[in-house]
Amino acid sequence: MPDSLDDLHGPAEGTVELPLHLAWSGLRAYDVSDPRLRMSMYQAVLAEGRRVDVEQYICADHLRSDWPRLRKLMGRPLRKAWETHFPGLAPE
C-alpha cells in the first residue's frame, strides 16, 4: 500500500494493459476512460497488485471519485485496510 494517495500516478485516460501477474485470466487491456472497465481494473490491481503496481496503474483522482462504488466490489479486509490507511476514503 502506498504511503499517500499522492503516490498514485496511474493514467487518467487511455488504454492500460496489465501484466500477467495482475490479469492472469481474461481481460488484460482496460480503457480507463470507461468507468466500468476502470473499476474492474482497479479491483484487480488493488486485490492482486504489489505497491509498485498500485502506484503505477491507479490514478488518485479516479480512485477518490470511484471509491463509493468500488468499495462495494472489494472484500471487507481489503476495503477496511484502505479506509483505515486513508480515512478520507471511508464513507462519512
N, C-alpha and C. Protein backbone atom coordinates (compact mmCIF):
# COMPACT_ATOMS: atom_id res chain seq x y z
N MET A 1 0.85 -1.17 0.00
CA MET A 1 0.00 0.00 0.00
C MET A 1 0.90 1.24 0.00
N PRO A 2 0.57 2.23 -0.82
CA PRO A 2 1.39 3.44 -0.85
C PRO A 2 1.26 4.23 0.46
N ASP A 3 2.23 5.11 0.70
CA ASP A 3 2.19 5.95 1.88
C ASP A 3 1.10 7.01 1.77
N SER A 4 0.87 7.48 0.55
CA SER A 4 -0.08 8.56 0.31
C SER A 4 -0.81 8.33 -1.00
N LEU A 5 -2.02 8.84 -1.10
CA LEU A 5 -2.73 8.75 -2.38
C LEU A 5 -2.01 9.56 -3.45
N ASP A 6 -1.21 10.54 -3.03
CA ASP A 6 -0.43 11.33 -3.99
C ASP A 6 0.64 10.50 -4.68
N ASP A 7 0.92 9.30 -4.16
CA ASP A 7 1.90 8.40 -4.79
C ASP A 7 1.29 7.61 -5.94
N LEU A 8 -0.01 7.74 -6.15
CA LEU A 8 -0.70 7.02 -7.22
C LEU A 8 -0.61 7.83 -8.51
N HIS A 9 0.12 7.31 -9.48
CA HIS A 9 0.37 8.05 -10.71
C HIS A 9 -0.13 7.32 -11.95
N GLY A 10 -1.18 6.55 -11.78
CA GLY A 10 -1.73 5.82 -12.92
C GLY A 10 -2.37 6.77 -13.93
N PRO A 11 -2.57 6.28 -15.14
CA PRO A 11 -3.15 7.12 -16.19
C PRO A 11 -4.61 7.49 -15.91
N ALA A 12 -4.97 8.68 -16.30
CA ALA A 12 -6.34 9.16 -16.15
C ALA A 12 -7.19 8.85 -17.38
N GLU A 13 -6.54 8.52 -18.48
CA GLU A 13 -7.27 8.17 -19.70
C GLU A 13 -6.40 7.25 -20.55
N GLY A 14 -7.04 6.69 -21.57
CA GLY A 14 -6.32 5.79 -22.46
C GLY A 14 -6.47 4.34 -22.06
N THR A 15 -5.78 3.50 -22.78
CA THR A 15 -5.85 2.06 -22.56
C THR A 15 -4.61 1.59 -21.81
N VAL A 16 -4.85 0.75 -20.82
CA VAL A 16 -3.78 0.18 -20.00
C VAL A 16 -3.81 -1.32 -20.18
N GLU A 17 -2.65 -1.91 -20.43
CA GLU A 17 -2.56 -3.36 -20.49
C GLU A 17 -1.84 -3.84 -19.24
N LEU A 18 -2.55 -4.61 -18.44
CA LEU A 18 -1.97 -5.11 -17.19
C LEU A 18 -1.06 -6.31 -17.46
N PRO A 19 -0.01 -6.45 -16.66
CA PRO A 19 0.85 -7.62 -16.79
C PRO A 19 0.12 -8.88 -16.32
N LEU A 20 0.67 -10.02 -16.69
CA LEU A 20 0.02 -11.31 -16.38
C LEU A 20 -0.15 -11.56 -14.89
N HIS A 21 0.74 -11.05 -14.04
CA HIS A 21 0.59 -11.32 -12.62
C HIS A 21 -0.60 -10.57 -12.02
N LEU A 22 -1.17 -9.60 -12.75
CA LEU A 22 -2.37 -8.89 -12.30
C LEU A 22 -3.62 -9.35 -13.02
N ALA A 23 -3.47 -9.70 -14.26
CA ALA A 23 -4.62 -10.12 -15.08
C ALA A 23 -4.28 -11.45 -15.73
N TRP A 24 -4.28 -12.49 -14.94
CA TRP A 24 -3.84 -13.79 -15.41
C TRP A 24 -4.96 -14.55 -16.12
N SER A 25 -6.18 -14.05 -16.03
CA SER A 25 -7.28 -14.74 -16.69
C SER A 25 -8.23 -13.71 -17.28
N GLY A 26 -8.51 -13.83 -18.55
CA GLY A 26 -9.49 -12.93 -19.16
C GLY A 26 -8.88 -11.62 -19.64
N LEU A 27 -9.64 -10.57 -19.49
CA LEU A 27 -9.30 -9.25 -19.99
C LEU A 27 -7.99 -8.74 -19.41
N ARG A 28 -7.12 -8.20 -20.27
CA ARG A 28 -5.86 -7.60 -19.82
C ARG A 28 -5.77 -6.13 -20.17
N ALA A 29 -6.49 -5.68 -21.20
CA ALA A 29 -6.43 -4.28 -21.63
C ALA A 29 -7.70 -3.57 -21.19
N TYR A 30 -7.52 -2.42 -20.56
CA TYR A 30 -8.65 -1.67 -19.99
C TYR A 30 -8.58 -0.22 -20.45
N ASP A 31 -9.71 0.30 -20.90
CA ASP A 31 -9.83 1.72 -21.22
C ASP A 31 -10.20 2.43 -19.91
N VAL A 32 -9.26 3.16 -19.32
CA VAL A 32 -9.53 3.79 -18.03
C VAL A 32 -10.47 4.98 -18.15
N SER A 33 -10.82 5.36 -19.36
CA SER A 33 -11.82 6.42 -19.55
C SER A 33 -13.24 5.88 -19.34
N ASP A 34 -13.39 4.58 -19.39
CA ASP A 34 -14.68 3.93 -19.19
C ASP A 34 -14.79 3.52 -17.71
N PRO A 35 -15.70 4.14 -16.95
CA PRO A 35 -15.76 3.88 -15.50
C PRO A 35 -15.93 2.40 -15.13
N ARG A 36 -16.72 1.66 -15.88
CA ARG A 36 -16.92 0.24 -15.55
C ARG A 36 -15.64 -0.57 -15.76
N LEU A 37 -14.97 -0.34 -16.87
CA LEU A 37 -13.71 -1.04 -17.13
C LEU A 37 -12.65 -0.61 -16.12
N ARG A 38 -12.62 0.68 -15.82
CA ARG A 38 -11.63 1.19 -14.85
C ARG A 38 -11.83 0.55 -13.48
N MET A 39 -13.07 0.46 -13.02
CA MET A 39 -13.32 -0.14 -11.71
C MET A 39 -12.96 -1.62 -11.70
N SER A 40 -13.18 -2.30 -12.81
CA SER A 40 -12.79 -3.70 -12.90
C SER A 40 -11.27 -3.83 -12.82
N MET A 41 -10.57 -2.96 -13.51
CA MET A 41 -9.11 -2.97 -13.47
C MET A 41 -8.61 -2.62 -12.06
N TYR A 42 -9.19 -1.59 -11.46
CA TYR A 42 -8.76 -1.18 -10.12
C TYR A 42 -8.99 -2.29 -9.11
N GLN A 43 -10.10 -2.98 -9.25
CA GLN A 43 -10.38 -4.09 -8.34
C GLN A 43 -9.27 -5.14 -8.45
N ALA A 44 -8.85 -5.47 -9.66
CA ALA A 44 -7.77 -6.45 -9.85
C ALA A 44 -6.45 -5.95 -9.30
N VAL A 45 -6.12 -4.70 -9.57
CA VAL A 45 -4.84 -4.15 -9.11
C VAL A 45 -4.81 -4.04 -7.59
N LEU A 46 -5.88 -3.58 -7.00
CA LEU A 46 -5.90 -3.44 -5.54
C LEU A 46 -5.86 -4.80 -4.85
N ALA A 47 -6.49 -5.79 -5.43
CA ALA A 47 -6.54 -7.12 -4.82
C ALA A 47 -5.26 -7.92 -5.05
N GLU A 48 -4.65 -7.79 -6.23
CA GLU A 48 -3.53 -8.65 -6.61
C GLU A 48 -2.19 -7.93 -6.69
N GLY A 49 -2.23 -6.61 -6.76
CA GLY A 49 -1.02 -5.87 -7.03
C GLY A 49 -0.10 -5.64 -5.84
N ARG A 50 1.15 -5.44 -6.18
CA ARG A 50 2.15 -5.01 -5.22
C ARG A 50 2.09 -3.48 -5.16
N ARG A 51 2.79 -2.92 -4.20
CA ARG A 51 2.80 -1.46 -4.05
C ARG A 51 3.17 -0.77 -5.37
N VAL A 52 4.19 -1.24 -6.04
CA VAL A 52 4.62 -0.63 -7.29
C VAL A 52 3.51 -0.68 -8.34
N ASP A 53 2.75 -1.77 -8.37
CA ASP A 53 1.63 -1.89 -9.32
C ASP A 53 0.55 -0.87 -9.00
N VAL A 54 0.21 -0.77 -7.74
CA VAL A 54 -0.83 0.18 -7.32
C VAL A 54 -0.42 1.59 -7.71
N GLU A 55 0.83 1.94 -7.44
CA GLU A 55 1.31 3.29 -7.76
C GLU A 55 1.35 3.54 -9.26
N GLN A 56 1.63 2.51 -10.05
CA GLN A 56 1.75 2.66 -11.50
C GLN A 56 0.41 2.68 -12.23
N TYR A 57 -0.57 1.91 -11.75
CA TYR A 57 -1.80 1.73 -12.51
C TYR A 57 -3.03 2.46 -11.96
N ILE A 58 -2.97 2.92 -10.73
CA ILE A 58 -4.13 3.58 -10.12
C ILE A 58 -3.93 5.09 -10.15
N CYS A 59 -4.92 5.80 -10.63
CA CYS A 59 -4.93 7.27 -10.65
C CYS A 59 -5.64 7.75 -9.39
N ALA A 60 -4.97 8.59 -8.61
CA ALA A 60 -5.53 9.05 -7.34
C ALA A 60 -6.89 9.72 -7.52
N ASP A 61 -7.03 10.57 -8.52
CA ASP A 61 -8.31 11.27 -8.73
C ASP A 61 -9.44 10.29 -9.05
N HIS A 62 -9.16 9.31 -9.91
CA HIS A 62 -10.18 8.31 -10.22
C HIS A 62 -10.51 7.46 -9.01
N LEU A 63 -9.48 7.09 -8.24
CA LEU A 63 -9.74 6.26 -7.06
C LEU A 63 -10.65 7.00 -6.09
N ARG A 64 -10.39 8.27 -5.86
CA ARG A 64 -11.23 9.06 -4.94
C ARG A 64 -12.67 9.13 -5.45
N SER A 65 -12.85 9.39 -6.72
CA SER A 65 -14.22 9.54 -7.25
C SER A 65 -14.94 8.20 -7.38
N ASP A 66 -14.21 7.13 -7.66
CA ASP A 66 -14.82 5.82 -7.84
C ASP A 66 -15.01 5.06 -6.53
N TRP A 67 -14.35 5.48 -5.47
CA TRP A 67 -14.32 4.70 -4.24
C TRP A 67 -15.72 4.33 -3.71
N PRO A 68 -16.70 5.21 -3.69
CA PRO A 68 -18.01 4.81 -3.15
C PRO A 68 -18.60 3.57 -3.84
N ARG A 69 -18.36 3.42 -5.13
CA ARG A 69 -18.84 2.22 -5.85
C ARG A 69 -17.82 1.09 -5.79
N LEU A 70 -16.56 1.43 -5.92
CA LEU A 70 -15.50 0.43 -5.92
C LEU A 70 -15.43 -0.34 -4.61
N ARG A 71 -15.65 0.34 -3.51
CA ARG A 71 -15.54 -0.30 -2.19
C ARG A 71 -16.55 -1.44 -2.04
N LYS A 72 -17.66 -1.36 -2.76
CA LYS A 72 -18.69 -2.40 -2.70
C LYS A 72 -18.28 -3.66 -3.46
N LEU A 73 -17.29 -3.54 -4.34
CA LEU A 73 -16.82 -4.67 -5.13
C LEU A 73 -15.67 -5.40 -4.45
N MET A 74 -15.13 -4.81 -3.40
CA MET A 74 -13.95 -5.36 -2.74
C MET A 74 -14.34 -6.17 -1.51
N GLY A 75 -13.50 -7.11 -1.16
CA GLY A 75 -13.70 -7.86 0.06
C GLY A 75 -13.52 -6.95 1.27
N ARG A 76 -14.16 -7.32 2.35
CA ARG A 76 -14.13 -6.49 3.55
C ARG A 76 -12.71 -6.22 4.08
N PRO A 77 -11.83 -7.22 4.16
CA PRO A 77 -10.49 -6.94 4.70
C PRO A 77 -9.72 -5.91 3.87
N LEU A 78 -9.81 -6.02 2.55
CA LEU A 78 -9.10 -5.08 1.69
C LEU A 78 -9.72 -3.68 1.79
N ARG A 79 -11.03 -3.61 1.77
CA ARG A 79 -11.72 -2.33 1.90
C ARG A 79 -11.37 -1.66 3.23
N LYS A 80 -11.40 -2.42 4.30
CA LYS A 80 -11.09 -1.89 5.63
C LYS A 80 -9.64 -1.41 5.70
N ALA A 81 -8.71 -2.17 5.11
CA ALA A 81 -7.30 -1.77 5.11
C ALA A 81 -7.12 -0.42 4.41
N TRP A 82 -7.74 -0.25 3.26
CA TRP A 82 -7.61 1.01 2.52
C TRP A 82 -8.28 2.16 3.27
N GLU A 83 -9.44 1.93 3.83
CA GLU A 83 -10.14 3.01 4.52
C GLU A 83 -9.48 3.36 5.85
N THR A 84 -8.81 2.41 6.46
CA THR A 84 -8.06 2.69 7.69
C THR A 84 -6.79 3.48 7.36
N HIS A 85 -6.10 3.07 6.31
CA HIS A 85 -4.86 3.75 5.92
C HIS A 85 -5.13 5.13 5.33
N PHE A 86 -6.26 5.26 4.63
CA PHE A 86 -6.65 6.53 4.01
C PHE A 86 -8.05 6.90 4.48
N PRO A 87 -8.17 7.51 5.67
CA PRO A 87 -9.51 7.80 6.24
C PRO A 87 -10.40 8.64 5.33
N GLY A 88 -9.81 9.42 4.44
CA GLY A 88 -10.61 10.21 3.51
C GLY A 88 -11.44 9.38 2.55
N LEU A 89 -11.11 8.12 2.39
CA LEU A 89 -11.88 7.24 1.51
C LEU A 89 -13.11 6.68 2.22
N ALA A 90 -13.06 6.58 3.52
CA ALA A 90 -14.17 5.98 4.27
C ALA A 90 -15.43 6.81 4.13
N PRO A 91 -16.58 6.14 4.06
CA PRO A 91 -17.84 6.89 3.97
C PRO A 91 -18.06 7.71 5.25
N GLU A 92 -18.73 8.80 5.06
CA GLU A 92 -18.98 9.69 6.20
C GLU A 92 -20.19 9.30 6.97
